[in-house]
Protein backbone atom coordinates (compact mmCIF):
# COMPACT_ATOMS: atom_id res chain seq x y z
CA UNK A 1 121.15 97.64 105.83
CA UNK A 2 123.81 99.12 108.12
CA UNK A 3 122.54 100.34 111.49
CA UNK A 4 124.47 103.38 112.67
CA UNK A 5 124.56 105.60 115.72
CA UNK A 6 124.56 109.35 114.99
CA UNK A 7 125.17 112.56 116.87
CA UNK A 8 123.27 115.69 115.80
CA UNK A 9 125.05 118.92 116.74
CA UNK A 10 122.55 121.57 115.65
CA UNK A 11 122.11 120.05 112.20
CA UNK A 12 125.64 118.68 111.85
CA UNK A 13 124.91 114.94 111.78
CA UNK A 14 127.91 112.65 112.11
CA UNK A 15 128.34 108.98 113.08
CA UNK A 16 129.57 108.63 116.65
CA UNK A 17 131.53 105.38 116.55
CA UNK A 18 133.21 106.02 119.91
CA UNK A 19 129.96 105.94 121.90
CA UNK A 20 129.21 102.81 123.93
CA UNK A 21 125.91 102.37 122.09
CA UNK A 22 127.77 102.22 118.77
CA UNK A 23 129.69 99.25 120.15
CA UNK A 24 126.47 97.73 121.47
CA UNK A 25 124.67 97.63 118.12
CA UNK A 26 127.78 96.18 116.47
CA UNK A 27 128.07 93.42 119.08
CA UNK A 28 124.74 93.24 120.92
CA UNK A 29 125.54 90.01 122.79
CA UNK A 30 128.08 87.14 122.80
CA UNK A 31 125.83 85.05 120.53
CA UNK A 32 125.09 87.43 117.69
CA UNK A 33 126.73 89.81 115.28
CA UNK A 34 124.88 92.92 114.17
CA UNK A 35 123.63 91.07 111.09
CA UNK A 36 122.42 88.11 113.17
CA UNK A 37 120.77 90.45 115.65
CA UNK A 38 118.79 92.31 112.99
CA UNK A 39 117.95 89.14 111.05
CA UNK A 40 116.68 87.36 114.18
CA UNK A 41 114.71 90.40 115.30
CA UNK A 42 112.91 90.86 111.99
CA UNK A 43 112.23 87.11 111.72
CA UNK A 44 110.58 87.16 115.15
CA UNK A 45 108.66 90.29 114.24
CA UNK A 46 107.30 88.92 110.96
CA UNK A 47 106.57 85.38 112.15
CA UNK A 48 105.10 86.19 115.54
CA UNK A 49 104.20 89.88 115.36
CA UNK A 50 106.57 90.72 118.22
CA UNK A 51 110.32 90.70 118.91
CA UNK A 52 111.74 91.04 122.43
CA UNK A 53 115.26 91.83 123.63
CA UNK A 54 116.09 92.24 127.29
CA UNK A 55 118.39 95.17 128.08
CA UNK A 56 121.22 94.34 130.50
CA UNK A 57 122.79 97.48 131.98
CA UNK A 58 126.10 98.24 133.63
CA UNK A 59 125.45 98.41 137.38
CA UNK A 60 127.56 101.56 137.77
CA UNK A 61 126.88 103.66 134.66
CA UNK A 62 123.44 102.15 133.91
CA UNK A 63 124.46 102.13 130.27
CA UNK A 64 123.11 99.21 128.19
CA UNK A 65 125.87 96.65 127.82
CA UNK A 66 124.02 93.68 126.27
CA UNK A 67 120.81 92.92 124.39
CA UNK A 68 119.54 89.42 125.17
CA UNK A 69 117.23 87.90 122.51
CA UNK A 70 114.07 86.31 123.94
CA UNK A 71 111.68 84.25 121.79
CA UNK A 72 108.24 85.81 121.47
CA UNK A 73 106.54 82.61 122.69
CA UNK A 74 108.25 83.00 126.08
CA UNK A 75 106.91 86.51 126.76
CA UNK A 76 103.58 87.77 128.06
CA UNK A 77 102.89 91.51 128.19
CA UNK A 78 100.89 92.88 131.15
CA UNK A 79 99.68 96.30 132.22
CA UNK A 80 99.04 97.47 135.77
CA UNK A 81 96.14 99.78 136.73
CA UNK A 82 98.62 102.65 136.75
CA UNK A 83 99.34 102.10 133.03
CA UNK A 84 102.75 100.69 133.82
CA UNK A 85 103.74 97.97 131.36
CA UNK A 86 105.78 94.96 132.42
CA UNK A 87 106.80 91.65 130.89
CA UNK A 88 106.45 88.15 132.29
CA UNK A 89 109.21 86.00 130.81
CA UNK A 90 109.19 82.24 130.99
CA UNK A 91 112.00 81.08 133.30
CA UNK A 92 112.27 84.42 135.13
CA UNK A 93 110.37 84.78 138.41
CA UNK A 94 110.20 88.56 138.66
CA UNK A 95 108.35 90.65 136.05
CA UNK A 96 110.62 92.86 133.94
CA UNK A 97 109.67 96.55 133.56
CA UNK A 98 109.12 97.97 130.09
CA UNK A 99 112.21 100.17 130.37
CA UNK A 100 114.35 97.02 130.34
CA UNK A 101 112.81 95.43 127.25
CA UNK A 102 113.20 96.40 123.61
CA UNK A 103 109.80 95.49 122.19
CA UNK A 104 109.42 95.69 118.43
CA UNK A 105 105.77 95.33 117.46
CA UNK A 106 104.12 94.61 114.16
CA UNK A 107 100.63 95.75 113.25
CA UNK A 108 98.43 96.29 116.33
CA UNK A 109 94.66 96.04 116.49
CA UNK A 110 92.67 96.62 119.66
CA UNK A 111 95.45 95.77 122.10
CA UNK A 112 98.26 98.37 121.82
CA UNK A 113 100.61 96.27 123.95
CA UNK A 114 101.32 93.50 121.43
CA UNK A 115 101.54 93.12 117.69
CA UNK A 116 99.27 90.84 115.68
CA UNK A 117 100.59 87.40 114.76
CA UNK A 118 100.35 87.46 110.94
CA UNK A 119 100.26 83.66 110.67
CA UNK A 120 97.34 83.38 113.08
CA UNK A 121 95.54 86.37 111.57
CA UNK A 122 95.72 84.96 108.04
CA UNK A 123 95.11 81.38 109.10
CA UNK A 124 92.13 81.01 106.78
CA UNK A 125 94.07 82.05 103.68
CA UNK A 126 97.01 79.87 104.68
CA UNK A 127 94.61 77.02 105.44
CA UNK A 128 93.28 77.09 101.90
CA UNK A 129 96.82 76.81 100.56
CA UNK A 130 97.73 74.06 102.99
CA UNK A 131 94.53 72.19 102.12
CA UNK A 132 95.38 72.38 98.43
CA UNK A 133 98.88 71.05 99.08
CA UNK A 134 97.57 68.14 101.13
CA UNK A 135 94.91 67.35 98.54
CA UNK A 136 97.59 67.45 95.85
CA UNK A 137 99.78 65.07 97.86
CA UNK A 138 96.90 62.64 98.35
CA UNK A 139 95.98 62.86 94.68
CA UNK A 140 99.47 62.10 93.42
CA UNK A 141 100.20 59.43 96.00
CA UNK A 142 97.24 57.47 94.65
CA UNK A 143 97.54 58.62 91.06
CA UNK A 144 101.25 58.96 90.51
CA UNK A 145 100.87 58.44 86.76
CA UNK A 146 98.13 59.26 84.32
CA UNK A 147 95.83 56.36 83.51
CA UNK A 148 94.45 55.57 80.08
CA UNK A 149 91.71 53.44 78.53
CA UNK A 150 91.27 52.13 74.98
CA UNK A 151 87.84 52.65 73.51
CA UNK A 152 87.12 49.91 70.95
CA UNK A 153 84.26 50.22 68.46
CA UNK A 154 84.78 47.08 66.36
CA UNK A 155 83.89 43.47 66.96
CA UNK A 156 84.60 42.09 70.41
CA UNK A 157 88.30 41.40 70.92
CA UNK A 158 89.70 38.15 72.09
CA UNK A 159 91.80 38.36 75.28
CA UNK A 160 95.08 37.93 73.39
CA UNK A 161 94.07 40.63 70.88
CA UNK A 162 93.12 43.06 73.69
CA UNK A 163 96.46 42.41 75.43
CA UNK A 164 98.40 43.02 72.21
CA UNK A 165 96.54 46.30 71.64
CA UNK A 166 97.18 47.39 75.22
CA UNK A 167 100.88 46.52 75.01
CA UNK A 168 101.18 48.54 71.81
CA UNK A 169 99.88 51.73 73.45
CA UNK A 170 101.84 51.07 76.65
CA UNK A 171 105.14 50.90 74.75
CA UNK A 172 104.44 54.30 73.20
CA UNK A 173 103.33 55.94 76.46
CA UNK A 174 106.36 54.62 78.33
CA UNK A 175 108.76 55.69 75.61
CA UNK A 176 109.50 52.26 74.17
CA UNK A 177 108.27 53.07 70.67
CA UNK A 178 108.27 56.51 69.09
CA UNK A 179 105.45 55.70 66.64
CA UNK A 180 102.60 53.22 66.54
CA UNK A 181 99.75 52.37 64.17
CA UNK A 182 96.36 52.92 65.78
CA UNK A 183 93.99 50.12 64.73
CA UNK A 184 90.80 51.23 63.05
CA UNK A 185 88.00 51.64 65.56
CA UNK A 186 90.24 52.25 68.59
CA UNK A 187 90.57 55.48 70.59
CA UNK A 188 92.82 56.32 73.54
CA UNK A 189 91.04 58.09 76.42
CA UNK A 190 92.47 59.64 79.60
CA UNK A 191 90.88 58.28 82.78
CA UNK A 192 92.22 60.67 85.49
CA UNK A 193 92.82 64.43 85.80
CA UNK A 194 95.98 66.34 84.97
CA UNK A 195 97.29 68.84 87.56
CA UNK A 196 96.00 71.70 85.41
CA UNK A 197 92.56 70.12 85.19
CA UNK A 198 92.47 69.60 88.93
CA UNK A 199 93.67 73.26 89.32
CA UNK A 200 96.17 72.30 91.99
CA UNK A 201 99.00 74.27 90.43
CA UNK A 202 96.86 77.38 90.07
CA UNK A 203 95.62 77.09 93.66
CA UNK A 204 99.12 76.67 95.05
CA UNK A 205 100.45 79.57 92.97
CA UNK A 206 97.77 81.90 94.28
CA UNK A 207 98.53 80.67 97.78
CA UNK A 208 102.20 81.58 97.46
CA UNK A 209 101.28 85.04 96.16
CA UNK A 210 98.82 85.54 99.03
CA UNK A 211 101.54 84.71 101.56
CA UNK A 212 103.86 87.19 99.86
CA UNK A 213 101.17 89.87 100.15
CA UNK A 214 100.79 89.15 103.87
CA UNK A 215 104.44 90.05 104.40
CA UNK A 216 104.50 92.86 101.85
CA UNK A 217 106.90 91.11 99.47
CA UNK A 218 106.58 91.92 95.73
CA UNK A 219 105.67 89.00 93.49
CA UNK A 220 108.88 89.24 91.45
CA UNK A 221 111.00 88.61 94.56
CA UNK A 222 109.48 85.14 95.02
CA UNK A 223 109.56 84.21 91.35
CA UNK A 224 105.80 84.51 90.92
CA UNK A 225 104.03 85.38 87.68
CA UNK A 226 104.07 89.15 87.19
CA UNK A 227 102.37 89.33 83.80
CA UNK A 228 99.25 90.93 85.23
CA UNK A 229 101.21 93.52 87.21
CA UNK A 230 101.43 96.87 85.43
CA UNK A 231 104.25 98.43 87.46
CA UNK A 232 107.89 97.79 86.58
CA UNK A 233 110.30 95.75 88.68
CA UNK A 234 112.06 98.99 89.65
CA UNK A 235 108.78 100.49 90.85
CA UNK A 236 107.95 97.33 92.80
CA UNK A 237 111.37 97.47 94.45
CA UNK A 238 110.82 101.12 95.38
CA UNK A 239 107.40 100.26 96.80
CA UNK A 240 109.00 97.43 98.79
CA UNK A 241 111.56 99.81 100.30
CA UNK A 242 109.05 102.55 101.17
CA UNK A 243 105.96 100.54 102.12
CA UNK A 244 107.45 97.40 103.67
CA UNK A 245 110.97 98.12 104.93
CA UNK A 246 110.62 101.79 105.95
CA UNK A 247 107.81 101.25 108.52
CA UNK A 248 109.79 98.43 110.14
CA UNK A 249 113.07 100.35 110.45
CA UNK A 250 111.27 103.51 111.62
CA UNK A 251 109.61 101.56 114.41
CA UNK A 252 112.92 99.94 115.40
CA UNK A 253 114.81 103.26 115.37
CA UNK A 254 112.21 104.93 117.59
CA UNK A 255 112.09 102.04 120.08
CA UNK A 256 115.89 101.93 120.41
CA UNK A 257 116.04 105.69 120.91
CA UNK A 258 113.30 105.51 123.54
CA UNK A 259 114.81 102.64 125.57
CA UNK A 260 118.60 102.79 125.04
CA UNK A 261 119.29 106.54 125.34
CA UNK A 262 119.28 108.59 128.51
CA UNK A 263 116.80 111.45 128.66
CA UNK A 264 119.55 114.06 128.29
CA UNK A 265 120.80 112.32 125.11
CA UNK A 266 117.53 111.97 123.21
CA UNK A 267 117.81 115.42 121.64
CA UNK A 268 121.36 114.79 120.43
CA UNK A 269 121.75 111.10 119.53
CA UNK A 270 119.71 108.76 117.37
CA UNK A 271 119.86 105.41 115.56
CA UNK A 272 119.52 105.20 111.80
CA UNK A 273 119.31 102.41 109.26
CA UNK A 274 121.17 103.47 106.11
CA UNK A 275 119.15 102.74 102.97
CA UNK A 276 122.08 103.59 100.69
CA UNK A 277 123.34 100.01 100.95
CA UNK A 278 120.30 98.88 98.95
CA UNK A 279 122.03 100.42 95.94
CA UNK A 280 125.26 98.52 96.46
CA UNK A 281 124.34 95.72 94.05
CA UNK A 282 123.90 98.16 91.16
CA UNK A 283 127.01 100.17 90.23
CA UNK A 284 125.11 102.32 87.75
CA UNK A 285 122.48 103.29 90.32
CA UNK A 286 125.19 104.11 92.86
CA UNK A 287 127.04 106.28 90.38
CA UNK A 288 123.85 108.16 89.45
CA UNK A 289 122.98 108.62 93.12
CA UNK A 290 126.42 110.02 93.99
CA UNK A 291 126.47 112.22 90.89
CA UNK A 292 123.09 113.74 91.72
CA UNK A 293 124.14 114.30 95.32
CA UNK A 294 127.42 116.00 94.44
CA UNK A 295 125.93 118.13 91.68
CA UNK A 296 122.97 119.00 93.87
CA UNK A 297 125.16 120.25 96.71
CA UNK A 298 123.84 117.87 99.40
CA UNK A 299 126.65 115.31 99.16
CA UNK A 300 130.39 115.91 99.22
CA UNK A 301 132.86 113.77 97.24
CA UNK A 302 134.36 112.44 100.48
CA UNK A 303 130.93 111.40 101.74
CA UNK A 304 130.40 109.48 98.49
CA UNK A 305 133.85 107.91 98.83
CA UNK A 306 133.03 106.89 102.40
CA UNK A 307 129.87 105.10 101.21
CA UNK A 308 132.10 103.12 98.84
CA UNK A 309 134.67 102.42 101.60
CA UNK A 310 137.28 104.60 99.86
CA UNK A 311 139.72 106.84 101.72
CA UNK A 312 138.99 110.56 101.88
CA UNK A 313 140.90 112.86 99.56
CA UNK A 314 142.22 116.37 100.12
CA UNK A 315 139.54 118.97 99.35
CA UNK A 316 136.87 116.30 99.14
CA UNK A 317 134.76 117.77 101.93
CA UNK A 318 133.69 120.72 99.75
CA UNK A 319 130.11 120.74 98.52
CA UNK A 320 129.24 122.12 95.10
CA UNK A 321 126.38 123.88 93.38
CA UNK A 322 125.13 122.79 89.96
CA UNK A 323 126.14 125.94 88.04
CA UNK A 324 129.56 124.91 86.69
CA UNK A 325 130.15 123.12 90.01
CA UNK A 326 131.20 126.32 91.76
CA UNK A 327 132.04 125.71 95.44
CA UNK A 328 129.03 126.64 97.58
CA UNK A 329 130.93 129.16 99.72
CA UNK A 330 132.11 130.97 96.55
CA UNK A 331 128.75 131.08 94.80
CA UNK A 332 127.79 134.60 95.94
CA UNK A 333 131.15 136.20 94.91
CA UNK A 334 130.98 134.31 91.61
CA UNK A 335 127.53 135.73 90.84
CA UNK A 336 128.65 139.23 91.87
CA UNK A 337 131.63 139.00 89.52
CA UNK A 338 129.24 138.21 86.67
CA UNK A 339 127.12 141.24 87.57
CA UNK A 340 130.18 143.49 87.72
CA UNK A 341 131.39 142.28 84.34
CA UNK A 342 128.03 142.84 82.61
CA UNK A 343 128.40 146.67 81.98
CA UNK A 344 131.88 146.17 80.52
CA UNK A 345 130.59 143.54 78.14
CA UNK A 346 127.70 145.79 77.10
CA UNK A 347 130.08 148.73 76.41
CA UNK A 348 132.45 146.50 74.47
CA UNK A 349 129.72 145.07 72.27
CA UNK A 350 128.13 148.41 71.34
CA UNK A 351 130.99 150.44 69.79
CA UNK A 352 129.91 153.13 67.38
CA UNK A 353 132.43 152.04 64.77
CA UNK A 354 130.74 148.64 64.61
CA UNK A 355 133.88 146.80 65.72
CA UNK A 356 132.20 144.82 68.47
């Protein structure tokens, strides 16, 4: 999703692409693009429960000029008796104050300073899955192919007869012969378990679904079985946006506003992830979204064109109201003209001569 920097002038919200912070989030450091920066940050957040970026400021203006990514394993969060938070970073002698660190936290429990490591927290569930995978590997390394036995109920076979009977079944099992004649009194029996019988596949499938639940990912997104799920794929996608993505981006927006903006700017500027890009893969959904926005009066044609990377057109900044798409600023005169015309219509349609 695009991350944008906005200015709010008493309700008039517009992207401020000329601000230094707009440049910062587009190129946060020499190593990363905006996409890399967000991808790395969320990966750190979901795998370790915390993501850290050190803020480097211009010595004169004190504006942030670079965001340095720091692996969560290198950072230790401390708190002084005066409730001041600082960070001890591996390889840096002096502690870094909280004002110089962007700290994105996952779920917290008990300690408000750091997020919970989801891998460590769900170690037991992941251990069951890992144990099943290892058991499956051991099973198949020793039992790479199914093994069979021939149950014989007739007179004792001579060694050459037993070998001939075994070779007959082996040719069929290995694909040599398509059909064979089973001698009277013989029966083929399986000696080891199939994967289904050992329930390895079922165990591993449930393990994958459990891991997806840990990270709030719908089952359909990982190719899991969704037969038992009553909600539609569209509803699952909506739940994913609102329940999984929205809390993450809200936390990131608030932390960036708190640490990157000056105090006198916090009432005017803000960061915002744009969810509209989630519709970009579906032309029909985009068209319906724009149509509803324009007809509802909360989206202008030029704003819709901008979301599609089209150039603005003359008159495209006008917003409309649903009733015959009358321009919003002309709605009141339009209604008044209807009121003024009503008596004339009534007089015209009630002539005594019946010629209405």
